């Protein structure tokens, strides 16, 4: 099996992953995943596709991620990993799809409109 390359996105974060058979090391922007994502919640999000498909420790993953915040980046990596695992074995699709890991989250920040303070908030109205 050669290296599988997939892309995942969330808000403004874009993650490119390279999945290859190995010992289970995950490298994010040339750092270990536990150093890049300090909180256990984000580490869980990144490892979730492997845990559900029972593939923990079977693959080495190299990740290039940019844009957005750390939560958006973790979720972008999760989507890319889920897509790669589905390409690897079609049976993984039935496990990941009900969990919602193959769905690209469409929620984005709404743009600020002119004549307003923010996207929906208005300037204070003065009657007199």
C-alpha atoms as a PDB file:
ATOM      1  CA  UNK A   1       0.000   0.000   0.000  1.00  0.00           C
ATOM      2  CA  UNK A   2       1.324   3.435  -0.899  1.00  0.00           C
ATOM      3  CA  UNK A   3       0.728   6.700   0.936  1.00  0.00           C
ATOM      4  CA  UNK A   4      -2.860   7.993   0.948  1.00  0.00           C
ATOM      5  CA  UNK A   5      -3.255  11.774   0.677  1.00  0.00           C
ATOM      6  CA  UNK A   6      -6.520  13.435   1.771  1.00  0.00           C
ATOM      7  CA  UNK A   7      -7.743  16.949   2.640  1.00  0.00           C
ATOM      8  CA  UNK A   8     -10.159  17.970   5.409  1.00  0.00           C
ATOM      9  CA  UNK A   9     -11.614  21.404   6.119  1.00  0.00           C
ATOM     10  CA  UNK A  10     -13.470  23.058   9.008  1.00  0.00           C
ATOM     11  CA  UNK A  11     -14.279  26.795   9.188  1.00  0.00           C
ATOM     12  CA  UNK A  12     -11.068  28.336   7.770  1.00  0.00           C
ATOM     13  CA  UNK A  13      -8.746  25.469   8.763  1.00  0.00           C
ATOM     14  CA  UNK A  14      -7.332  23.204   6.037  1.00  0.00           C
ATOM     15  CA  UNK A  15      -5.605  19.908   6.894  1.00  0.00           C
ATOM     16  CA  UNK A  16      -3.603  17.779   4.440  1.00  0.00           C
ATOM     17  CA  UNK A  17      -2.827  14.291   5.737  1.00  0.00           C
ATOM     18  CA  UNK A  18      -0.511  11.582   4.452  1.00  0.00           C
ATOM     19  CA  UNK A  19      -1.473   8.117   5.764  1.00  0.00           C
ATOM     20  CA  UNK A  20       1.085   5.305   5.504  1.00  0.00           C
ATOM     21  CA  UNK A  21       1.411   1.916   7.248  1.00  0.00           C
ATOM     22  CA  UNK A  22       3.574   2.160  10.382  1.00  0.00           C
ATOM     23  CA  UNK A  23       3.735   2.175  14.147  1.00  0.00           C
ATOM     24  CA  UNK A  24       1.015   4.725  14.936  1.00  0.00           C
ATOM     25  CA  UNK A  25       2.906   8.021  15.161  1.00  0.00           C
ATOM     26  CA  UNK A  26       0.932  11.179  14.327  1.00  0.00           C
ATOM     27  CA  UNK A  27       2.951  14.267  13.387  1.00  0.00           C
ATOM     28  CA  UNK A  28       1.203  17.640  13.050  1.00  0.00           C
ATOM     29  CA  UNK A  29       3.286  20.421  11.468  1.00  0.00           C
ATOM     30  CA  UNK A  30       6.509  18.531  12.391  1.00  0.00           C
ATOM     31  CA  UNK A  31       5.439  18.257  16.069  1.00  0.00           C
ATOM     32  CA  UNK A  32       4.007  15.304  17.961  1.00  0.00           C
ATOM     33  CA  UNK A  33       0.197  15.386  18.152  1.00  0.00           C
ATOM     34  CA  UNK A  34       0.319  15.558  21.986  1.00  0.00           C
ATOM     35  CA  UNK A  35       2.551  18.651  21.809  1.00  0.00           C
ATOM     36  CA  UNK A  36       0.498  20.384  19.092  1.00  0.00           C
ATOM     37  CA  UNK A  37      -2.881  19.712  20.757  1.00  0.00           C
ATOM     38  CA  UNK A  38      -2.328  20.077  24.534  1.00  0.00           C
ATOM     39  CA  UNK A  39      -5.910  19.309  25.633  1.00  0.00           C
ATOM     40  CA  UNK A  40      -7.188  15.745  25.886  1.00  0.00           C
ATOM     41  CA  UNK A  41     -10.428  16.692  24.097  1.00  0.00           C
ATOM     42  CA  UNK A  42      -8.603  17.739  20.928  1.00  0.00           C
ATOM     43  CA  UNK A  43      -6.339  14.672  21.052  1.00  0.00           C
ATOM     44  CA  UNK A  44      -9.471  12.519  21.313  1.00  0.00           C
ATOM     45  CA  UNK A  45     -10.999  14.266  18.271  1.00  0.00           C
ATOM     46  CA  UNK A  46      -7.889  13.555  16.185  1.00  0.00           C
ATOM     47  CA  UNK A  47      -7.751   9.880  17.264  1.00  0.00           C
ATOM     48  CA  UNK A  48     -11.508   9.278  16.995  1.00  0.00           C
ATOM     49  CA  UNK A  49     -11.516   7.749  13.452  1.00  0.00           C
ATOM     50  CA  UNK A  50      -8.779   5.269  14.458  1.00  0.00           C
ATOM     51  CA  UNK A  51     -10.568   4.342  17.708  1.00  0.00           C
ATOM     52  CA  UNK A  52     -13.905   3.696  15.971  1.00  0.00           C
ATOM     53  CA  UNK A  53     -12.366   1.582  13.176  1.00  0.00           C
ATOM     54  CA  UNK A  54      -9.992  -0.225  15.598  1.00  0.00           C
ATOM     55  CA  UNK A  55      -6.882   0.889  13.674  1.00  0.00           C
ATOM     56  CA  UNK A  56      -4.962   2.518  16.541  1.00  0.00           C
ATOM     57  CA  UNK A  57      -1.209   1.991  16.119  1.00  0.00           C
ATOM     58  CA  UNK A  58      -1.444   0.645  12.550  1.00  0.00           C
ATOM     59  CA  UNK A  59      -0.662   3.807  10.574  1.00  0.00           C
ATOM     60  CA  UNK A  60       1.811   6.684  10.580  1.00  0.00           C
ATOM     61  CA  UNK A  61       0.201  10.044   9.826  1.00  0.00           C
ATOM     62  CA  UNK A  62       1.898  13.251   8.686  1.00  0.00           C
ATOM     63  CA  UNK A  63      -0.318  16.322   8.840  1.00  0.00           C
ATOM     64  CA  UNK A  64       0.109  19.811   7.395  1.00  0.00           C
ATOM     65  CA  UNK A  65      -2.562  22.093   8.833  1.00  0.00           C
ATOM     66  CA  UNK A  66      -3.046  25.865   8.635  1.00  0.00           C
ATOM     67  CA  UNK A  67      -5.726  28.488   9.184  1.00  0.00           C
ATOM     68  CA  UNK A  68      -8.375  28.782  11.864  1.00  0.00           C
ATOM     69  CA  UNK A  69      -7.974  27.921  15.536  1.00  0.00           C
ATOM     70  CA  UNK A  70      -6.894  24.684  17.180  1.00  0.00           C
ATOM     71  CA  UNK A  71     -10.428  23.261  17.479  1.00  0.00           C
ATOM     72  CA  UNK A  72     -11.128  23.853  13.777  1.00  0.00           C
ATOM     73  CA  UNK A  73      -7.748  22.342  12.922  1.00  0.00           C
ATOM     74  CA  UNK A  74      -8.423  19.221  15.027  1.00  0.00           C
ATOM     75  CA  UNK A  75     -11.804  18.727  13.353  1.00  0.00           C
ATOM     76  CA  UNK A  76     -10.280  19.266   9.896  1.00  0.00           C
ATOM     77  CA  UNK A  77      -7.694  16.555  10.661  1.00  0.00           C
ATOM     78  CA  UNK A  78     -10.490  14.257  11.880  1.00  0.00           C
ATOM     79  CA  UNK A  79     -12.398  14.672   8.593  1.00  0.00           C
ATOM     80  CA  UNK A  80      -9.285  14.016   6.487  1.00  0.00           C
ATOM     81  CA  UNK A  81      -8.417  10.888   8.509  1.00  0.00           C
ATOM     82  CA  UNK A  82     -11.979   9.596   8.170  1.00  0.00           C
ATOM     83  CA  UNK A  83     -11.848  10.071   4.396  1.00  0.00           C
ATOM     84  CA  UNK A  84      -8.493   8.285   4.190  1.00  0.00           C
ATOM     85  CA  UNK A  85      -9.732   5.317   6.246  1.00  0.00           C
ATOM     86  CA  UNK A  86     -12.772   5.002   3.955  1.00  0.00           C
ATOM     87  CA  UNK A  87     -10.520   4.886   0.895  1.00  0.00           C
ATOM     88  CA  UNK A  88      -8.407   2.245   2.629  1.00  0.00           C
ATOM     89  CA  UNK A  89     -11.338  -0.054   3.442  1.00  0.00           C
ATOM     90  CA  UNK A  90     -14.930   0.541   2.278  1.00  0.00           C
ATOM     91  CA  UNK A  91     -16.321  -1.199   5.408  1.00  0.00           C
ATOM     92  CA  UNK A  92     -15.040   1.726   7.521  1.00  0.00           C
ATOM     93  CA  UNK A  93     -17.640   3.930   5.826  1.00  0.00           C
ATOM     94  CA  UNK A  94     -20.478   2.116   7.623  1.00  0.00           C
ATOM     95  CA  UNK A  95     -18.775   2.760  10.982  1.00  0.00           C
ATOM     96  CA  UNK A  96     -17.813   6.428  10.454  1.00  0.00           C
ATOM     97  CA  UNK A  97     -20.908   7.691   8.592  1.00  0.00           C
ATOM     98  CA  UNK A  98     -23.415   7.211  11.470  1.00  0.00           C
ATOM     99  CA  UNK A  99     -21.002   9.066  13.807  1.00  0.00           C
ATOM    100  CA  UNK A 100     -21.044  12.054  11.426  1.00  0.00           C
ATOM    101  CA  UNK A 101     -17.290  11.959  10.766  1.00  0.00           C
ATOM    102  CA  UNK A 102     -17.622  11.996   6.969  1.00  0.00           C
ATOM    103  CA  UNK A 103     -19.749  15.145   6.874  1.00  0.00           C
ATOM    104  CA  UNK A 104     -18.033  18.447   6.101  1.00  0.00           C
ATOM    105  CA  UNK A 105     -19.378  20.891   8.701  1.00  0.00           C
ATOM    106  CA  UNK A 106     -20.711  23.812   6.606  1.00  0.00           C
ATOM    107  CA  UNK A 107     -20.917  26.345   9.445  1.00  0.00           C
ATOM    108  CA  UNK A 108     -18.752  29.383   8.723  1.00  0.00           C
ATOM    109  CA  UNK A 109     -18.430  32.822  10.292  1.00  0.00           C
ATOM    110  CA  UNK A 110     -21.034  35.182   8.872  1.00  0.00           C
ATOM    111  CA  UNK A 111     -19.548  38.272   7.279  1.00  0.00           C
ATOM    112  CA  UNK A 112     -19.828  41.744   8.804  1.00  0.00           C
ATOM    113  CA  UNK A 113     -22.283  44.009   6.978  1.00  0.00           C
ATOM    114  CA  UNK A 114     -21.711  47.708   6.347  1.00  0.00           C
ATOM    115  CA  UNK A 115     -23.782  50.098   8.459  1.00  0.00           C
ATOM    116  CA  UNK A 116     -23.764  47.546  11.292  1.00  0.00           C
ATOM    117  CA  UNK A 117     -21.485  46.878  14.238  1.00  0.00           C
ATOM    118  CA  UNK A 118     -21.052  43.124  13.489  1.00  0.00           C
ATOM    119  CA  UNK A 119     -22.736  40.522  11.293  1.00  0.00           C
ATOM    120  CA  UNK A 120     -26.119  40.903  13.003  1.00  0.00           C
ATOM    121  CA  UNK A 121     -25.595  43.440  15.797  1.00  0.00           C
ATOM    122  CA  UNK A 122     -26.618  46.980  14.917  1.00  0.00           C
ATOM    123  CA  UNK A 123     -25.300  50.308  16.142  1.00  0.00           C
ATOM    124  CA  UNK A 124     -27.253  51.743  19.076  1.00  0.00           C
ATOM    125  CA  UNK A 125     -30.477  53.382  17.887  1.00  0.00           C
ATOM    126  CA  UNK A 126     -31.241  56.871  19.140  1.00  0.00           C
ATOM    127  CA  UNK A 127     -34.798  58.075  18.654  1.00  0.00           C
ATOM    128  CA  UNK A 128     -33.945  61.707  19.502  1.00  0.00           C
END
